[in-house]
Amino acid sequence: MSRPIRLAFLGDIHGNLPALEAVLDEIDKQTPDAVFLLGDLLNRCPWTLDVVDVLRQRDWPSVQGNHDLVLANLNTPEGPPTFNDKNRFPNIHWTWEQMRPHDLCYLRHLPHDLLIEIQGAPSLRLFHGLPDNPFAGIVPDADEESVSSQIAVYDESVLICGHTHQPMDRTITAQSSEHNGGSYPCKQRILNPGSVGMPYNGDPRAHYLLLDLVKEDGKLGWQPQFRRLDYDFDRVASAFRSSGLLESSGAIAALNLRTIKDGQPWASDYQQWVRNQPHAVRSDPENAVEMYLKSHGPSQWAFLG
């Protein structure tokens, strides 16, 4: 009996080569029929060129994440002016300075979303954060009404996204969009594989997703396997130092490294906190991170406020 169609999904690698290599080793053994990337390929870890070269050699389709978008447009008229502040966003500028023109071109031309259609199977729609905004995402505990409104533009029965760095398998009752014959209730399943390089769910292992096309009750459907793999964190910590990233980006890089080690959302939670602080605080990341760590952490995250 032949094996069912199998697809693999990787999201939020963030330039973490050791985590990516652990996933690649297993994927080569699992031999999926196709592999797809959910964006945020780079930034926050030292292996910028290594990761982009490996992914381009594999030639896997990818959607564009918010970090990919910022890097592609940094120092151009299309880039959001906020990110031009090298003092506030040293990590982004360090990563951008490592990149070659063809790398930036690759990121710039990644699509916002992808549609996967396999005959007889539920269609899959891939995107990074939200359908209309790669800088925001669908968190696992969001209320159903909010999620339904956020994904209303898509009619596919299975949606696969990233951005939150948290694995998710959730089915909601949504409203079909007007372009699909009018608005009526329909079930939509939302999957998030979690992050390869920087999880936020308290489990620091590298996360990815396998989907098998199986028949249940006479109908074809997608069966997920959420995979988690150990890798060498000490190699990551060493590279932060030897690459110059830790020296260049200071407290921001140290916070990113802490996030990778703990599997907790320190990096993004700090960004949530600092954007609401006075300019004097935002413009001094070394002191800002120190202030943040004194009042925030597990059970006291800024995004809960």
Protein backbone atom coordinates (compact mmCIF):
# COMPACT_ATOMS: atom_id res chain seq x y z
CA MET A 1 0.00 0.00 0.00
CA SER A 2 1.47 3.39 -0.99
CA ARG A 3 2.07 6.06 1.62
CA PRO A 4 -0.42 8.97 1.65
CA ILE A 5 0.56 12.35 0.30
CA ARG A 6 2.69 14.11 2.90
CA LEU A 7 3.50 17.82 3.13
CA ALA A 8 5.85 19.61 5.54
CA PHE A 9 5.63 23.19 6.82
CA LEU A 10 8.39 25.25 8.44
CA GLY A 11 7.87 28.69 9.93
CA ASP A 12 9.80 31.39 11.77
CA ILE A 13 13.33 30.05 11.27
CA HIS A 14 14.84 33.45 12.13
CA GLY A 15 18.31 32.54 10.86
CA ASN A 16 18.79 29.72 13.41
CA LEU A 17 20.91 27.28 11.40
CA PRO A 18 21.35 24.53 14.06
CA ALA A 19 17.58 24.35 14.58
CA LEU A 20 17.00 24.34 10.82
CA GLU A 21 19.57 21.59 10.29
CA ALA A 22 17.84 19.40 12.87
CA VAL A 23 14.57 19.81 10.97
CA LEU A 24 16.23 19.23 7.59
CA ASP A 25 17.80 15.99 8.80
CA GLU A 26 14.40 14.66 9.84
CA ILE A 27 12.64 15.93 6.73
CA ASP A 28 15.15 14.07 4.58
CA LYS A 29 14.14 10.89 6.44
CA GLN A 30 10.40 11.63 6.32
CA THR A 31 10.61 12.35 2.56
CA PRO A 32 7.52 14.57 2.25
CA ASP A 33 6.15 15.18 -1.22
CA ALA A 34 6.61 18.93 -0.83
CA VAL A 35 7.87 21.42 1.77
CA PHE A 36 6.56 24.95 2.31
CA LEU A 37 7.93 27.90 4.31
CA LEU A 38 5.74 30.26 6.31
CA GLY A 39 8.00 33.30 6.44
CA ASP A 40 10.39 35.04 8.84
CA LEU A 41 13.29 33.12 7.37
CA LEU A 42 15.98 35.45 8.74
CA ASN A 43 16.90 37.94 11.48
CA ARG A 44 17.67 37.50 15.19
CA CYS A 45 20.29 34.74 14.72
CA PRO A 46 23.82 34.88 13.23
CA TRP A 47 23.53 32.56 10.22
CA THR A 48 22.00 34.95 7.69
CA LEU A 49 23.76 33.79 4.52
CA ASP A 50 23.95 30.12 5.56
CA VAL A 51 20.19 29.92 6.08
CA VAL A 52 19.17 31.81 2.96
CA ASP A 53 21.55 29.71 0.84
CA VAL A 54 20.28 26.41 2.25
CA LEU A 55 16.65 27.39 1.70
CA ARG A 56 17.23 28.66 -1.82
CA GLN A 57 19.13 25.48 -2.73
CA ARG A 58 16.13 23.47 -1.58
CA ASP A 59 13.90 25.73 -3.71
CA TRP A 60 10.92 25.45 -1.35
CA PRO A 61 8.02 27.89 -1.85
CA SER A 62 7.68 30.49 0.88
CA VAL A 63 5.34 33.28 1.87
CA GLN A 64 6.73 36.59 3.09
CA GLY A 65 6.95 37.20 6.82
CA ASN A 66 7.19 40.59 8.51
CA HIS A 67 10.94 40.23 9.13
CA ASP A 68 11.45 39.30 5.48
CA LEU A 69 9.45 42.36 4.44
CA VAL A 70 11.38 44.73 6.73
CA LEU A 71 14.76 43.41 5.59
CA ALA A 72 13.79 43.57 1.90
CA ASN A 73 12.75 47.22 2.17
CA LEU A 74 15.21 48.53 4.77
CA ASN A 75 17.04 51.66 3.58
CA THR A 76 14.65 52.06 0.64
CA PRO A 77 11.73 54.49 0.14
CA GLU A 78 9.32 51.53 0.54
CA GLY A 79 10.59 50.67 4.02
CA PRO A 80 8.68 51.74 7.16
CA PRO A 81 10.67 54.71 8.58
CA THR A 82 10.46 53.28 12.11
CA PHE A 83 12.99 50.57 11.30
CA ASN A 84 15.58 53.06 10.04
CA ASP A 85 16.49 53.66 13.69
CA LYS A 86 19.67 51.60 13.90
CA ASN A 87 20.03 52.25 17.61
CA ARG A 88 16.56 50.88 18.39
CA PHE A 89 16.73 47.98 15.90
CA PRO A 90 20.42 47.01 15.83
CA ASN A 91 19.69 43.35 15.10
CA ILE A 92 17.77 44.12 11.90
CA HIS A 93 20.54 46.38 10.61
CA TRP A 94 23.24 43.83 11.50
CA THR A 95 21.36 41.17 9.53
CA TRP A 96 20.74 43.53 6.59
CA GLU A 97 24.44 44.36 6.41
CA GLN A 98 25.28 40.66 5.96
CA MET A 99 22.97 40.27 2.98
CA ARG A 100 23.72 40.39 -0.73
CA PRO A 101 21.57 42.21 -3.30
CA HIS A 102 20.14 38.96 -4.67
CA ASP A 103 19.13 37.88 -1.13
CA LEU A 104 17.15 41.09 -0.68
CA CYS A 105 15.57 40.62 -4.09
CA TYR A 106 14.52 37.10 -3.11
CA LEU A 107 12.83 38.34 0.07
CA ARG A 108 11.21 41.26 -1.73
CA HIS A 109 9.47 38.99 -4.25
CA LEU A 110 8.10 36.41 -1.82
CA PRO A 111 4.28 36.26 -2.13
CA HIS A 112 1.92 37.35 0.62
CA ASP A 113 0.08 33.99 0.51
CA LEU A 114 0.05 30.66 -1.32
CA LEU A 115 -2.74 28.29 -2.33
CA ILE A 116 -2.16 24.52 -2.40
CA GLU A 117 -4.70 22.50 -4.33
CA ILE A 118 -4.54 18.71 -4.59
CA GLN A 119 -7.31 16.89 -6.42
CA GLY A 120 -9.88 15.46 -4.01
CA ALA A 121 -8.27 17.06 -0.94
CA PRO A 122 -9.26 20.13 1.10
CA SER A 123 -7.46 23.20 -0.26
CA LEU A 124 -4.74 24.78 1.87
CA ARG A 125 -4.10 28.52 2.13
CA LEU A 126 -0.71 29.62 3.54
CA PHE A 127 0.13 33.05 4.94
CA HIS A 128 2.42 34.40 7.64
CA GLY A 129 0.52 36.46 10.21
CA LEU A 130 -2.94 37.73 9.32
CA PRO A 131 -4.44 37.77 5.81
CA ASP A 132 -4.06 41.55 5.64
CA ASN A 133 -1.10 42.10 7.99
CA PRO A 134 2.11 40.05 8.40
CA PHE A 135 2.98 42.05 11.54
CA ALA A 136 0.12 40.50 13.57
CA GLY A 137 -0.97 36.90 14.08
CA ILE A 138 -3.66 34.53 15.30
CA VAL A 139 -2.94 33.56 18.90
CA PRO A 140 -4.23 30.18 20.09
CA ASP A 141 -6.58 31.60 22.75
CA ALA A 142 -8.11 34.41 20.67
CA ASP A 143 -11.91 34.53 20.82
CA GLU A 144 -13.67 32.88 17.89
CA GLU A 145 -15.46 36.01 16.71
CA SER A 146 -12.17 37.90 16.38
CA VAL A 147 -10.48 35.04 14.54
CA SER A 148 -13.48 34.65 12.22
CA SER A 149 -13.31 38.31 11.22
CA GLN A 150 -9.54 38.14 10.76
CA ILE A 151 -9.68 35.25 8.27
CA ALA A 152 -12.93 36.19 6.51
CA VAL A 153 -11.14 36.92 3.24
CA TYR A 154 -10.20 33.24 2.83
CA ASP A 155 -12.64 30.42 2.04
CA GLU A 156 -10.27 27.46 2.16
CA SER A 157 -11.16 24.90 4.82
CA VAL A 158 -7.57 24.64 6.07
CA LEU A 159 -5.41 27.69 6.78
CA ILE A 160 -1.74 27.41 7.76
CA CYS A 161 0.04 30.37 9.29
CA GLY A 162 3.02 31.36 11.43
CA HIS A 163 4.16 34.54 13.21
CA THR A 164 3.06 33.74 16.76
CA HIS A 165 5.76 31.09 17.27
CA GLN A 166 3.12 28.94 18.99
CA PRO A 167 1.82 25.61 17.65
CA MET A 168 -1.91 25.63 17.04
CA ASP A 169 -4.62 23.30 15.74
CA ARG A 170 -7.97 25.03 16.00
CA THR A 171 -11.27 24.70 14.16
CA ILE A 172 -13.71 27.61 14.18
CA THR A 173 -17.06 28.43 12.64
CA ALA A 174 -16.39 31.25 10.21
CA GLN A 175 -18.38 33.15 7.62
CA SER A 176 -17.59 32.43 3.99
CA SER A 177 -16.61 35.48 1.98
CA GLU A 178 -18.88 37.22 -0.50
CA HIS A 179 -16.80 36.17 -3.51
CA ASN A 180 -17.66 32.53 -2.78
CA GLY A 181 -21.38 32.91 -3.33
CA GLY A 182 -22.45 34.82 -0.26
CA SER A 183 -21.93 34.72 3.47
CA TYR A 184 -22.81 31.52 5.29
CA PRO A 185 -21.34 29.55 8.24
CA CYS A 186 -18.47 27.17 7.43
CA LYS A 187 -15.83 25.28 9.40
CA GLN A 188 -12.21 26.36 9.01
CA ARG A 189 -9.24 24.65 10.56
CA ILE A 190 -6.26 26.85 11.41
CA LEU A 191 -2.84 25.25 11.84
CA ASN A 192 0.41 26.80 13.01
CA PRO A 193 3.53 24.61 13.18
CA GLY A 194 5.23 26.80 15.76
CA SER A 195 8.73 28.17 15.25
CA VAL A 196 11.77 26.33 13.95
CA GLY A 197 14.27 28.76 15.44
CA MET A 198 12.61 30.65 18.30
CA PRO A 199 9.51 29.02 19.90
CA TYR A 200 7.29 31.00 22.28
CA ASN A 201 5.42 28.10 23.92
CA GLY A 202 7.90 27.22 26.63
CA ASP A 203 9.45 24.39 24.60
CA PRO A 204 12.77 25.54 23.07
CA ARG A 205 13.06 22.63 20.64
CA ALA A 206 12.76 23.19 16.88
CA HIS A 207 9.12 22.89 15.77
CA TYR A 208 7.66 22.00 12.40
CA LEU A 209 4.52 20.38 10.97
CA LEU A 210 3.80 17.33 8.82
CA LEU A 211 0.42 16.91 7.11
CA ASP A 212 -0.71 13.54 5.77
CA LEU A 213 -3.65 13.25 3.40
CA VAL A 214 -5.80 10.43 4.82
CA LYS A 215 -9.31 9.11 4.33
CA GLU A 216 -11.69 9.29 7.27
CA ASP A 217 -15.38 8.40 7.03
CA GLY A 218 -15.02 8.13 3.29
CA LYS A 219 -13.59 11.65 2.90
CA LEU A 220 -10.04 12.86 2.36
CA GLY A 221 -8.67 15.10 5.07
CA TRP A 222 -5.40 16.39 6.45
CA GLN A 223 -3.91 14.73 9.54
CA PRO A 224 -1.29 16.86 11.32
CA GLN A 225 1.83 15.74 13.17
CA PHE A 226 3.43 18.46 15.27
CA ARG A 227 7.13 17.61 15.41
CA ARG A 228 9.67 18.89 17.96
CA LEU A 229 13.41 18.26 17.74
CA ASP A 230 16.38 18.82 20.05
CA TYR A 231 19.43 20.67 18.75
CA ASP A 232 22.68 22.15 20.09
CA PHE A 233 21.86 25.41 21.89
CA ASP A 234 25.49 25.88 22.96
CA ARG A 235 26.38 26.21 19.28
CA VAL A 236 23.85 29.03 18.99
CA ALA A 237 25.21 30.86 22.04
CA SER A 238 28.78 30.51 20.78
CA ALA A 239 27.87 31.89 17.34
CA PHE A 240 26.14 34.91 18.87
CA ARG A 241 29.53 35.81 20.35
CA SER A 242 31.89 34.80 17.54
CA SER A 243 29.83 36.40 14.76
CA GLY A 244 29.86 39.82 16.37
CA LEU A 245 26.07 39.84 16.67
CA LEU A 246 26.08 39.98 20.48
CA GLU A 247 28.66 42.77 20.53
CA SER A 248 26.89 44.74 17.81
CA SER A 249 23.31 44.39 19.06
CA GLY A 250 23.94 44.28 22.80
CA ALA A 251 20.92 43.83 25.06
CA ILE A 252 18.57 43.16 22.11
CA ALA A 253 20.70 40.22 20.93
CA ALA A 254 21.03 38.95 24.50
CA LEU A 255 17.24 39.02 24.84
CA ASN A 256 16.89 37.10 21.57
CA LEU A 257 19.34 34.50 22.84
CA ARG A 258 17.39 34.18 26.09
CA THR A 259 14.23 33.63 24.04
CA ILE A 260 15.86 30.82 22.09
CA LYS A 261 17.17 29.17 25.26
CA ASP A 262 13.90 29.40 27.24
CA GLY A 263 11.29 29.02 24.51
CA GLN A 264 9.54 32.03 26.05
CA PRO A 265 8.43 35.18 24.14
CA TRP A 266 10.94 37.61 25.66
CA ALA A 267 11.95 39.14 22.31
CA SER A 268 8.50 40.00 20.97
CA ASP A 269 7.05 40.85 24.37
CA TYR A 270 9.80 43.42 24.86
CA GLN A 271 8.91 44.98 21.51
CA GLN A 272 5.25 45.11 22.60
CA TRP A 273 6.29 46.87 25.82
CA VAL A 274 8.87 49.29 24.44
CA ARG A 275 6.69 50.71 21.65
CA ASN A 276 4.47 52.21 24.39
CA GLN A 277 7.37 53.83 26.23
CA PRO A 278 8.59 57.45 25.91
CA HIS A 279 11.08 58.22 23.15
CA ALA A 280 13.93 58.53 25.67
CA VAL A 281 13.34 54.92 26.75
CA ARG A 282 12.84 53.55 23.21
CA SER A 283 16.06 55.15 22.01
CA ASP A 284 18.22 53.51 24.71
CA PRO A 285 17.80 49.72 24.30
CA GLU A 286 20.43 48.81 26.91
CA ASN A 287 18.53 50.55 29.71
CA ALA A 288 15.13 49.76 28.20
CA VAL A 289 15.76 46.01 28.27
CA GLU A 290 16.94 46.29 31.88
CA MET A 291 13.76 48.14 32.81
CA TYR A 292 11.61 45.61 30.97
CA LEU A 293 13.18 42.59 32.69
CA LYS A 294 12.54 44.08 36.14
CA SER A 295 8.77 44.06 35.64
CA HIS A 296 7.96 41.47 32.98
CA GLY A 297 8.22 37.77 32.33
CA PRO A 298 6.10 34.61 32.64
CA SER A 299 2.64 35.50 34.05
CA GLN A 300 3.50 39.20 33.63
CA TRP A 301 3.91 39.52 29.88
CA ALA A 302 3.33 42.95 28.36
CA PHE A 303 0.96 41.57 25.74
CA LEU A 304 -1.39 40.47 28.53
CA GLY A 305 -1.77 44.04 29.72
